[in-house]
Amino acid sequence: MQSEVKKSRRVVIIGGGISGLAAAHRLIERGAEDSAMALEVLLLERLSQVGGTIRTRKRDGFLLETGPDSFISEKPEVLELARRIGLVERLIQTNSEHRRSFIVRAGRLLPVPEGFQLLAPSRLWPFVTSGIFSWQGKARMALELFLPRRAVGGNGSSDESLAEFVRRRFGREALERMAQPMVGGIYTADPEKLSLKATMPRFLEMERKHRSLIWAMWNNRRKLTREESRGTSGARYSLFLSFDEGMQLLSDTLAARLPAGVIRLNTHVEAIRFDKEKREWHVKVAGEEEIRADAVCVALPAYAAGALLSEVDSQLASELEAIPYASTATINFGWRRADIPHPLDGFGFVVPFAERRTVLACTFTSVKFKGRAPEGHAVLRAFVGGALQPEMFALDEEEMTRRVLEDLRALLGIEKPPLFSVVEKWPRSMAQYMIGHLERVARIKQRVYALGTLQLIGNAYHGAGIPDCIRSGSRAADEIIKALR
């Protein structure tokens, strides 16, 4: 009688955000499928809880998101993971009423024209009648219909900043009044430095394929309308989804699905070494001996990953530490609904940098999703900081809250104080995808590949959203399994 002996392999994941949790879950899944390998997974988290910036608080019947409040359903990773861990029934869509947002102009909240997609309109009349742009600005944007494609330089590079692209296609006013605040709400970035190729390559592809972005959007809208009218699109989720008990339900459920002993909280990793002869890793944990590992997955911000890997590969560490980050803060406010004069007939507003306000954006959370506030009450969530306003992030919590309340008083007419305010600061949390980002990531990938059993995951490389982070974790797990075999 022959018995098969499984070869034991240990994988250490450093960082318990959604990327690290997704990697651990995928490794456990794959390990269970492999009869020839006994896989031991160990996830080390510095804090006392997992989830990273995904954090949901409950207070007096209010549900507050101090990190991300939703995810985009166009990217399937969260939906697929939710099915595997039994959370599909807990998904909720945005409220069917008031599915619009506002942009501040001269102290007034003006609705974003229906059909406007970040940079360009897909419908004519709402754009023509909008008060966001002057007539000169509208005329300049309409000129985009007739502009030629960009001539690509001799080196074949097609990258340019968001600001350069929008000014070139649509003019200065389109950048200042629409693109900067809309994209700033996603990436909290400086549009003069943000790489369009790394963040929104579909607009470059539209220009390459159709020449005019407006023309491409009009065509896409007509095609989508025809498909929907024929019923060929099938069941569709709304663009933004969340969970009935908040986004932390995802990270908590994912952690609970991992076997006992996989997650070690309050564990600070001080250094990583790689023994080239034995092809094994040594992870130094504060106050403990080194942990030996056959593979390591670093799920930390790029600058933190670079600091840990400085002795392993100094060039890799330099590339990682060169990826810049912006700091942001969220402030959740609870109010009695009767104390807010504004009708709150949208999901929130963004503020152009040209308006010189403290607040970058504000979400009407209790309008966007049901179950976020008790009956007769409302939750508003403000954003502060970002790459363009680091001095606002540097304010202490009391002063930051005071200034944001001044803005909300001016923009929404709120005179009465809130029932409460909850400030959450996220220092160096948003990776900035500068021009040349994809080339840098390619160089990082080359260095990582040479080490064989190392993976880097998170929001610093191929996308900043929750679906992107889950995808990076799952792919890293697959690469580790391949390398260990």
Protein backbone atom coordinates (compact mmCIF):
# COMPACT_ATOMS: atom_id res chain seq x y z
CA MET A 1 0.00 0.00 0.00
CA GLN A 2 1.42 3.34 -1.04
CA SER A 3 0.80 6.57 0.84
CA GLU A 4 1.24 10.00 -0.67
CA VAL A 5 3.14 12.47 1.49
CA LYS A 6 2.15 16.08 0.94
CA LYS A 7 4.98 18.57 0.68
CA SER A 8 4.44 21.34 3.23
CA ARG A 9 4.78 24.96 2.09
CA ARG A 10 4.34 28.12 4.17
CA VAL A 11 3.15 31.43 2.70
CA VAL A 12 3.35 34.60 4.80
CA ILE A 13 1.09 37.52 3.87
CA ILE A 14 2.05 40.87 5.37
CA GLY A 15 -0.94 43.19 5.68
CA GLY A 16 -4.58 42.43 6.45
CA GLY A 17 -6.38 44.87 4.18
CA ILE A 18 -8.81 43.62 1.55
CA SER A 19 -5.90 42.69 -0.77
CA GLY A 20 -4.21 40.53 1.85
CA LEU A 21 -7.49 38.91 2.88
CA ALA A 22 -8.34 38.11 -0.75
CA ALA A 23 -4.89 36.55 -1.24
CA ALA A 24 -5.25 34.43 1.91
CA HIS A 25 -8.72 33.25 0.93
CA ARG A 26 -7.59 32.32 -2.56
CA LEU A 27 -4.53 30.46 -1.24
CA ILE A 28 -6.70 28.43 1.13
CA GLU A 29 -9.08 27.61 -1.73
CA ARG A 30 -6.26 26.55 -4.05
CA GLY A 31 -4.46 24.62 -1.33
CA ALA A 32 -7.58 22.56 -0.64
CA GLU A 33 -7.72 21.63 -4.34
CA ASP A 34 -4.07 20.49 -4.51
CA SER A 35 -3.60 16.93 -3.26
CA ALA A 36 0.19 17.12 -3.56
CA MET A 37 0.81 20.19 -1.42
CA ALA A 38 0.11 21.00 2.23
CA LEU A 39 -0.19 24.77 2.33
CA GLU A 40 0.19 26.76 5.52
CA VAL A 41 -0.98 30.37 5.22
CA LEU A 42 -0.11 33.00 7.81
CA LEU A 43 -1.44 36.57 7.59
CA LEU A 44 0.31 39.17 9.78
CA GLU A 45 -1.56 42.40 10.56
CA ARG A 46 -0.05 45.28 12.53
CA LEU A 47 -3.40 46.62 13.83
CA SER A 48 -5.99 45.02 16.08
CA GLN A 49 -8.43 44.48 13.21
CA VAL A 50 -8.29 43.51 9.54
CA GLY A 51 -9.85 45.35 6.59
CA GLY A 52 -7.40 48.22 6.10
CA THR A 53 -9.30 51.34 5.09
CA ILE A 54 -12.60 49.44 4.97
CA ARG A 55 -14.17 50.47 8.25
CA THR A 56 -17.83 50.69 9.24
CA ARG A 57 -19.02 52.16 12.53
CA LYS A 58 -22.44 52.03 14.16
CA ARG A 59 -23.63 54.82 16.40
CA ASP A 60 -27.10 55.53 17.82
CA GLY A 61 -28.83 53.82 14.90
CA PHE A 62 -26.55 55.43 12.29
CA LEU A 63 -24.28 53.36 10.03
CA LEU A 64 -21.11 55.28 9.19
CA GLU A 65 -18.49 54.45 6.57
CA THR A 66 -15.15 56.02 7.45
CA GLY A 67 -13.46 54.40 4.44
CA PRO A 68 -14.98 53.37 1.08
CA ASP A 69 -18.78 53.21 1.11
CA SER A 70 -19.34 51.19 -2.07
CA PHE A 71 -17.77 49.49 -5.06
CA ILE A 72 -18.26 49.60 -8.81
CA SER A 73 -20.20 46.64 -10.19
CA GLU A 74 -18.68 46.98 -13.67
CA LYS A 75 -15.62 45.16 -12.31
CA PRO A 76 -16.79 41.66 -11.31
CA GLU A 77 -14.30 40.74 -8.57
CA VAL A 78 -16.36 41.81 -5.56
CA LEU A 79 -19.53 40.19 -6.89
CA GLU A 80 -17.73 36.92 -7.60
CA LEU A 81 -16.15 36.90 -4.14
CA ALA A 82 -19.50 37.75 -2.52
CA ARG A 83 -21.02 34.69 -4.19
CA ARG A 84 -18.23 32.42 -2.93
CA ILE A 85 -18.52 33.58 0.68
CA GLY A 86 -22.33 33.77 0.82
CA LEU A 87 -22.89 37.53 0.75
CA VAL A 88 -24.95 37.94 -2.42
CA GLU A 89 -28.19 38.31 -0.46
CA ARG A 90 -26.59 41.10 1.57
CA LEU A 91 -25.84 43.30 -1.45
CA ILE A 92 -27.83 46.52 -1.81
CA GLN A 93 -28.17 48.94 -4.70
CA THR A 94 -28.24 52.69 -4.55
CA ASN A 95 -31.69 54.17 -3.97
CA SER A 96 -33.65 54.40 -7.19
CA GLU A 97 -34.60 58.03 -6.47
CA HIS A 98 -32.25 60.97 -6.87
CA ARG A 99 -29.56 59.10 -8.84
CA ARG A 100 -27.59 62.21 -9.69
CA SER A 101 -24.82 64.35 -8.22
CA PHE A 102 -23.94 68.03 -8.10
CA ILE A 103 -20.96 70.26 -8.81
CA VAL A 104 -20.37 73.51 -6.93
CA ARG A 105 -20.17 76.66 -9.03
CA ALA A 106 -20.01 80.10 -7.41
CA GLY A 107 -21.33 78.69 -4.15
CA ARG A 108 -24.33 76.92 -5.75
CA LEU A 109 -24.97 73.20 -6.24
CA LEU A 110 -25.67 72.55 -9.92
CA PRO A 111 -26.64 69.07 -11.16
CA VAL A 112 -24.16 67.20 -13.33
CA PRO A 113 -25.77 67.06 -16.81
CA GLU A 114 -27.53 63.76 -17.41
CA GLY A 115 -25.33 61.47 -19.48
CA PHE A 116 -22.08 63.28 -18.63
CA GLN A 117 -19.32 60.66 -18.22
CA LEU A 118 -16.43 62.24 -16.28
CA LEU A 119 -14.94 64.08 -19.25
CA ALA A 120 -17.57 64.41 -21.96
CA PRO A 121 -21.34 64.47 -22.56
CA SER A 122 -23.23 61.54 -24.08
CA ARG A 123 -26.44 63.60 -24.35
CA LEU A 124 -26.70 66.99 -26.02
CA TRP A 125 -29.60 68.89 -24.46
CA PRO A 126 -28.71 68.39 -20.75
CA PHE A 127 -25.20 69.62 -21.57
CA VAL A 128 -26.41 72.66 -23.53
CA THR A 129 -28.79 73.76 -20.76
CA SER A 130 -26.36 73.17 -17.87
CA GLY A 131 -25.23 76.17 -15.83
CA ILE A 132 -21.92 74.56 -14.92
CA PHE A 133 -20.20 75.88 -18.06
CA SER A 134 -20.23 79.28 -19.70
CA TRP A 135 -21.35 79.55 -23.33
CA GLN A 136 -17.73 80.01 -24.33
CA GLY A 137 -16.83 76.85 -22.42
CA LYS A 138 -19.64 74.91 -24.09
CA ALA A 139 -18.57 76.10 -27.51
CA ARG A 140 -14.98 75.02 -26.85
CA MET A 141 -16.16 71.60 -25.67
CA ALA A 142 -18.33 71.17 -28.76
CA LEU A 143 -15.27 71.88 -30.91
CA GLU A 144 -13.97 68.47 -29.75
CA LEU A 145 -16.22 66.89 -32.37
CA PHE A 146 -13.94 68.24 -35.08
CA LEU A 147 -10.47 67.95 -33.54
CA PRO A 148 -7.96 65.46 -34.95
CA ARG A 149 -6.40 62.62 -33.00
CA ARG A 150 -3.26 63.30 -31.05
CA ALA A 151 -0.08 62.71 -33.03
CA VAL A 152 1.93 60.11 -31.09
CA GLY A 153 5.60 61.00 -30.64
CA GLY A 154 8.50 59.18 -32.22
CA ASN A 155 9.07 57.07 -29.12
CA GLY A 156 5.54 55.67 -29.43
CA SER A 157 4.48 56.96 -26.01
CA SER A 158 0.77 57.68 -25.66
CA ASP A 159 0.79 58.74 -22.00
CA GLU A 160 -0.14 62.24 -20.95
CA SER A 161 -1.65 63.83 -17.90
CA LEU A 162 -5.38 64.11 -17.36
CA ALA A 163 -5.04 67.90 -17.45
CA GLU A 164 -3.18 67.88 -20.77
CA PHE A 165 -5.70 65.53 -22.33
CA VAL A 166 -8.80 67.46 -21.20
CA ARG A 167 -7.37 70.85 -22.17
CA ARG A 168 -6.35 69.48 -25.56
CA ARG A 169 -9.71 67.91 -26.32
CA PHE A 170 -12.22 70.09 -24.41
CA GLY A 171 -10.52 73.24 -23.14
CA ARG A 172 -9.55 74.79 -19.82
CA GLU A 173 -13.06 75.28 -18.44
CA ALA A 174 -13.94 71.60 -18.90
CA LEU A 175 -10.87 70.70 -16.86
CA GLU A 176 -11.45 73.17 -14.02
CA ARG A 177 -15.22 72.82 -13.72
CA MET A 178 -15.82 69.12 -14.44
CA ALA A 179 -12.83 66.80 -14.95
CA GLN A 180 -10.74 67.97 -11.99
CA PRO A 181 -13.45 67.70 -9.32
CA MET A 182 -15.00 64.51 -10.74
CA VAL A 183 -11.70 62.66 -11.11
CA GLY A 184 -10.41 64.25 -7.91
CA GLY A 185 -13.28 62.58 -6.09
CA ILE A 186 -11.96 59.21 -7.27
CA TYR A 187 -8.18 59.56 -7.10
CA THR A 188 -7.74 62.68 -4.88
CA ALA A 189 -5.01 63.53 -7.39
CA ASP A 190 -3.41 66.50 -9.11
CA PRO A 191 -4.71 66.33 -12.70
CA GLU A 192 -1.49 67.93 -13.98
CA LYS A 193 0.43 64.83 -12.85
CA LEU A 194 -2.16 62.04 -13.08
CA SER A 195 -1.45 59.53 -15.85
CA LEU A 196 -4.47 59.09 -18.09
CA LYS A 197 -3.08 55.84 -19.50
CA ALA A 198 -2.79 54.34 -16.01
CA THR A 199 -6.18 55.52 -14.72
CA MET A 200 -8.64 55.95 -17.60
CA PRO A 201 -7.18 54.31 -20.71
CA ARG A 202 -10.64 53.92 -22.25
CA PHE A 203 -10.66 57.63 -23.14
CA LEU A 204 -7.36 57.30 -24.97
CA GLU A 205 -8.79 54.27 -26.77
CA MET A 206 -11.90 56.26 -27.72
CA GLU A 207 -9.71 58.93 -29.29
CA ARG A 208 -7.60 56.35 -31.11
CA LYS A 209 -10.59 54.44 -32.44
CA HIS A 210 -13.25 57.13 -32.97
CA ARG A 211 -11.18 60.37 -32.99
CA SER A 212 -13.91 62.29 -31.09
CA LEU A 213 -14.82 61.25 -27.53
CA ILE A 214 -18.22 62.95 -27.78
CA TRP A 215 -18.99 61.05 -30.96
CA ALA A 216 -17.87 57.77 -29.36
CA MET A 217 -20.06 58.34 -26.30
CA TRP A 218 -23.09 59.21 -28.40
CA ASN A 219 -22.63 56.02 -30.41
CA ASN A 220 -22.13 53.92 -27.27
CA ARG A 221 -25.23 55.38 -25.69
CA ARG A 222 -27.39 54.59 -28.76
CA LYS A 223 -26.01 51.04 -28.89
CA LEU A 224 -26.67 50.48 -25.18
CA THR A 225 -30.21 51.83 -25.52
CA ARG A 226 -30.92 49.41 -28.42
CA GLU A 227 -29.54 46.43 -26.48
CA GLU A 228 -31.56 47.29 -23.38
CA SER A 229 -34.71 47.71 -25.42
CA ARG A 230 -34.19 44.20 -26.85
CA GLY A 231 -33.55 42.84 -23.37
CA THR A 232 -30.17 41.41 -24.32
CA SER A 233 -28.29 43.00 -21.47
CA GLY A 234 -29.85 40.71 -18.86
CA ALA A 235 -30.09 41.52 -15.17
CA ARG A 236 -28.00 44.58 -14.33
CA TYR A 237 -26.78 45.87 -10.97
CA SER A 238 -26.65 49.60 -10.51
CA LEU A 239 -23.22 51.14 -10.95
CA PHE A 240 -22.52 51.40 -7.20
CA LEU A 241 -23.25 48.61 -4.72
CA SER A 242 -22.69 48.09 -1.02
CA PHE A 243 -23.79 45.70 1.73
CA ASP A 244 -26.76 46.09 4.04
CA GLU A 245 -24.50 46.31 7.11
CA GLY A 246 -21.78 48.34 5.41
CA MET A 247 -18.58 47.55 3.55
CA GLN A 248 -16.85 46.08 6.61
CA LEU A 249 -19.22 43.12 6.30
CA LEU A 250 -17.09 42.04 3.33
CA SER A 251 -13.73 42.09 5.12
CA ASP A 252 -15.17 40.64 8.36
CA THR A 253 -16.85 37.76 6.52
CA LEU A 254 -13.73 37.08 4.49
CA ALA A 255 -11.64 36.94 7.67
CA ALA A 256 -14.18 34.67 9.39
CA ARG A 257 -14.02 32.22 6.47
CA LEU A 258 -10.29 31.70 6.98
CA PRO A 259 -9.22 28.77 9.20
CA ALA A 260 -8.30 29.45 12.83
CA GLY A 261 -4.71 30.53 13.26
CA VAL A 262 -4.29 32.06 9.78
CA ILE A 263 -4.64 35.67 10.99
CA ARG A 264 -2.30 37.12 13.62
CA LEU A 265 -3.30 40.61 14.75
CA ASN A 266 -1.13 43.20 16.53
CA THR A 267 1.89 41.77 14.75
CA HIS A 268 4.43 44.25 13.42
CA VAL A 269 6.85 43.03 10.73
CA GLU A 270 10.22 44.76 11.07
CA ALA A 271 12.22 43.28 8.19
CA ILE A 272 12.34 40.66 5.46
CA ARG A 273 15.39 38.67 4.37
CA PHE A 274 15.79 36.28 1.45
CA ASP A 275 18.21 33.35 1.57
CA LYS A 276 19.13 32.86 -2.09
CA GLU A 277 20.91 29.55 -1.52
CA LYS A 278 18.00 27.92 0.33
CA ARG A 279 15.40 29.90 -1.65
CA GLU A 280 13.53 30.76 1.53
CA TRP A 281 12.30 33.90 3.22
CA HIS A 282 12.81 35.07 6.79
CA VAL A 283 10.22 37.47 8.19
CA LYS A 284 11.34 39.34 11.33
CA VAL A 285 8.46 40.07 13.68
CA ALA A 286 8.81 42.55 16.55
CA GLY A 287 9.64 40.79 19.78
CA GLU A 288 9.83 37.36 18.18
CA GLU A 289 12.17 35.16 16.23
CA GLU A 290 12.09 35.13 12.46
CA ILE A 291 9.33 33.27 10.66
CA ARG A 292 10.58 31.07 7.84
CA ALA A 293 8.48 31.09 4.67
CA ASP A 294 8.58 29.50 1.23
CA ALA A 295 6.80 32.53 -0.26
CA VAL A 296 5.93 36.06 0.84
CA CYS A 297 3.08 38.31 -0.27
CA VAL A 298 3.42 41.96 0.76
CA ALA A 299 0.02 43.67 0.97
CA LEU A 300 1.20 47.07 2.20
CA PRO A 301 1.46 50.58 0.71
CA ALA A 302 4.35 50.74 -1.76
CA TYR A 303 6.52 52.88 0.52
CA ALA A 304 6.09 50.41 3.39
CA ALA A 305 6.82 47.47 1.10
CA GLY A 306 9.96 49.26 -0.13
CA ALA A 307 11.21 49.78 3.43
CA LEU A 308 10.80 46.07 4.22
CA LEU A 309 12.50 44.95 1.00
CA SER A 310 15.48 47.33 1.12
CA GLU A 311 17.90 44.56 2.07
CA VAL A 312 16.43 42.09 -0.42
CA ASP A 313 16.63 44.30 -3.52
CA SER A 314 17.59 47.96 -3.15
CA GLN A 315 16.56 48.83 -6.71
CA LEU A 316 13.11 47.31 -6.18
CA ALA A 317 12.81 49.21 -2.90
CA SER A 318 13.71 52.49 -4.63
CA GLU A 319 11.05 51.97 -7.30
CA LEU A 320 8.42 51.22 -4.66
CA GLU A 321 9.33 54.21 -2.50
CA ALA A 322 9.09 56.49 -5.56
CA ILE A 323 5.33 55.90 -5.87
CA PRO A 324 3.77 59.00 -4.21
CA TYR A 325 0.72 58.94 -1.96
CA ALA A 326 -1.91 61.47 -0.93
CA SER A 327 -3.60 61.73 2.46
CA THR A 328 -7.34 62.10 2.93
CA ALA A 329 -9.83 62.40 5.76
CA THR A 330 -13.52 61.59 6.03
CA ILE A 331 -15.93 63.31 8.41
CA ASN A 332 -19.33 61.72 9.04
CA PHE A 333 -22.06 64.01 10.37
CA GLY A 334 -25.42 63.00 11.82
CA TRP A 335 -28.30 65.48 11.64
CA ARG A 336 -32.00 65.59 12.17
CA ARG A 337 -33.41 65.75 8.66
CA ALA A 338 -35.50 68.79 9.57
CA ASP A 339 -32.30 70.70 10.37
CA ILE A 340 -31.05 70.46 6.75
CA PRO A 341 -32.83 73.00 4.50
CA HIS A 342 -31.45 71.51 1.27
CA PRO A 343 -33.74 68.89 -0.36
CA LEU A 344 -30.77 66.45 -0.65
CA ASP A 345 -32.18 65.39 -4.02
CA GLY A 346 -28.99 63.70 -5.17
CA PHE A 347 -26.19 61.48 -3.90
CA GLY A 348 -23.83 64.35 -3.08
CA PHE A 349 -21.57 66.97 -4.60
CA VAL A 350 -17.96 67.59 -5.61
CA VAL A 351 -16.12 70.89 -5.30
CA PRO A 352 -13.72 72.23 -7.96
CA PHE A 353 -10.37 73.35 -6.61
CA ALA A 354 -11.13 76.75 -8.13
CA GLU A 355 -13.90 77.22 -5.53
CA ARG A 356 -11.28 77.35 -2.74
CA ARG A 357 -13.26 75.36 -0.18
CA THR A 358 -12.03 73.05 2.59
CA VAL A 359 -14.34 70.22 1.56
CA LEU A 360 -13.40 68.24 -1.58
CA ALA A 361 -16.69 66.41 -1.84
CA CYS A 362 -19.69 65.40 0.24
CA THR A 363 -21.85 62.29 0.00
CA PHE A 364 -25.48 62.34 1.09
CA THR A 365 -25.00 58.86 2.52
CA SER A 366 -28.53 58.31 3.83
CA VAL A 367 -29.91 59.25 0.41
CA LYS A 368 -27.46 57.09 -1.53
CA PHE A 369 -28.13 53.90 0.47
CA LYS A 370 -31.04 52.81 2.65
CA GLY A 371 -30.52 51.93 6.28
CA ARG A 372 -27.76 54.44 6.96
CA ALA A 373 -29.72 56.69 9.34
CA PRO A 374 -32.75 56.36 11.65
CA GLU A 375 -36.10 57.62 10.43
CA GLY A 376 -36.17 61.42 10.32
CA HIS A 377 -32.38 61.74 10.29
CA ALA A 378 -29.60 62.07 7.72
CA VAL A 379 -25.92 61.21 7.37
CA LEU A 380 -23.56 63.41 5.35
CA ARG A 381 -19.95 62.40 4.72
CA ALA A 382 -17.34 65.01 3.80
CA PHE A 383 -13.89 64.48 2.26
CA VAL A 384 -10.84 66.63 3.02
CA GLY A 385 -7.22 66.71 1.82
CA GLY A 386 -5.91 64.98 -1.27
CA ALA A 387 -2.96 65.88 -3.46
CA LEU A 388 -4.16 69.43 -4.14
CA GLN A 389 -4.96 70.38 -0.54
CA PRO A 390 -2.48 68.69 1.84
CA GLU A 391 -2.66 71.70 4.17
CA MET A 392 -6.32 70.90 4.85
CA PHE A 393 -5.47 67.35 5.87
CA ALA A 394 -2.81 68.72 8.23
CA LEU A 395 -5.45 70.59 10.27
CA ASP A 396 -6.33 69.12 13.66
CA GLU A 397 -9.69 67.37 13.84
CA GLU A 398 -11.47 70.23 15.62
CA GLU A 399 -10.38 72.89 13.12
CA MET A 400 -11.01 70.59 10.15
CA THR A 401 -14.55 69.91 11.37
CA ARG A 402 -15.21 73.61 11.99
CA ARG A 403 -14.14 74.57 8.46
CA VAL A 404 -16.16 71.79 6.84
CA LEU A 405 -19.25 72.86 8.77
CA GLU A 406 -18.72 76.40 7.46
CA ASP A 407 -18.72 75.02 3.92
CA LEU A 408 -21.86 72.95 4.53
CA ARG A 409 -23.56 76.00 6.01
CA ALA A 410 -22.73 78.03 2.89
CA LEU A 411 -23.57 75.31 0.38
CA LEU A 412 -26.53 73.52 2.01
CA GLY A 413 -27.86 76.22 4.34
CA ILE A 414 -27.33 74.13 7.49
CA GLU A 415 -27.33 76.42 10.52
CA LYS A 416 -27.89 74.00 13.39
CA PRO A 417 -24.98 71.93 14.74
CA PRO A 418 -24.86 68.21 13.95
CA LEU A 419 -25.81 65.57 16.49
CA PHE A 420 -22.26 64.25 16.17
CA SER A 421 -19.22 64.23 13.93
CA VAL A 422 -16.73 61.37 13.39
CA VAL A 423 -13.34 62.18 11.84
CA GLU A 424 -11.13 59.48 10.33
CA LYS A 425 -7.72 60.43 8.97
CA TRP A 426 -6.02 58.21 6.39
CA PRO A 427 -2.39 59.39 6.03
CA ARG A 428 -0.62 58.39 2.81
CA SER A 429 -3.47 56.10 1.83
CA MET A 430 -4.12 56.96 -1.84
CA ALA A 431 -1.45 55.89 -4.33
CA GLN A 432 -0.93 58.51 -7.05
CA TYR A 433 -0.68 57.14 -10.59
CA MET A 434 1.65 59.73 -12.09
CA ILE A 435 2.78 59.94 -15.72
CA GLY A 436 5.09 56.99 -16.26
CA HIS A 437 3.31 54.89 -13.62
CA LEU A 438 2.77 51.88 -15.88
CA GLU A 439 6.42 51.88 -16.89
CA ARG A 440 7.45 51.97 -13.22
CA VAL A 441 5.08 49.10 -12.40
CA ALA A 442 6.59 47.09 -15.27
CA ARG A 443 10.07 47.59 -13.80
CA ILE A 444 8.78 46.56 -10.36
CA LYS A 445 7.19 43.46 -11.84
CA GLN A 446 10.49 42.51 -13.47
CA ARG A 447 12.37 42.71 -10.17
CA VAL A 448 9.65 40.76 -8.36
CA TYR A 449 9.62 38.05 -11.04
CA ALA A 450 13.37 37.53 -10.61
CA LEU A 451 12.80 36.65 -6.94
CA GLY A 452 10.28 33.96 -7.86
CA THR A 453 8.28 33.57 -4.65
CA LEU A 454 7.53 37.21 -3.84
CA GLN A 455 4.29 39.03 -4.67
CA LEU A 456 3.30 42.68 -4.16
CA ILE A 457 -0.38 43.56 -3.98
CA GLY A 458 -2.61 46.49 -3.10
CA ASN A 459 -3.84 49.76 -4.56
CA ALA A 460 -0.43 51.01 -5.75
CA TYR A 461 -0.08 49.08 -8.98
CA HIS A 462 -3.05 48.23 -11.19
CA GLY A 463 -6.07 50.04 -9.74
CA ALA A 464 -7.17 51.73 -6.54
CA GLY A 465 -10.70 50.35 -6.08
CA ILE A 466 -11.85 47.41 -3.98
CA PRO A 467 -12.38 45.17 -7.04
CA ASP A 468 -8.83 46.00 -8.20
CA CYS A 469 -7.40 45.09 -4.79
CA ILE A 470 -9.28 41.79 -4.69
CA ARG A 471 -8.07 40.97 -8.19
CA SER A 472 -4.48 41.72 -7.23
CA GLY A 473 -4.73 39.44 -4.19
CA SER A 474 -6.31 36.56 -6.11
CA ARG A 475 -3.80 36.76 -8.95
CA ALA A 476 -0.90 36.88 -6.51
CA ALA A 477 -2.18 33.72 -4.82
CA ASP A 478 -2.29 31.94 -8.17
CA GLU A 479 1.26 33.06 -8.99
CA ILE A 480 2.51 31.84 -5.62
CA ILE A 481 0.93 28.41 -6.13
CA LYS A 482 2.54 28.23 -9.57
CA ALA A 483 5.96 29.18 -8.17
CA LEU A 484 5.78 26.71 -5.29
CA ARG A 485 4.98 23.85 -7.64
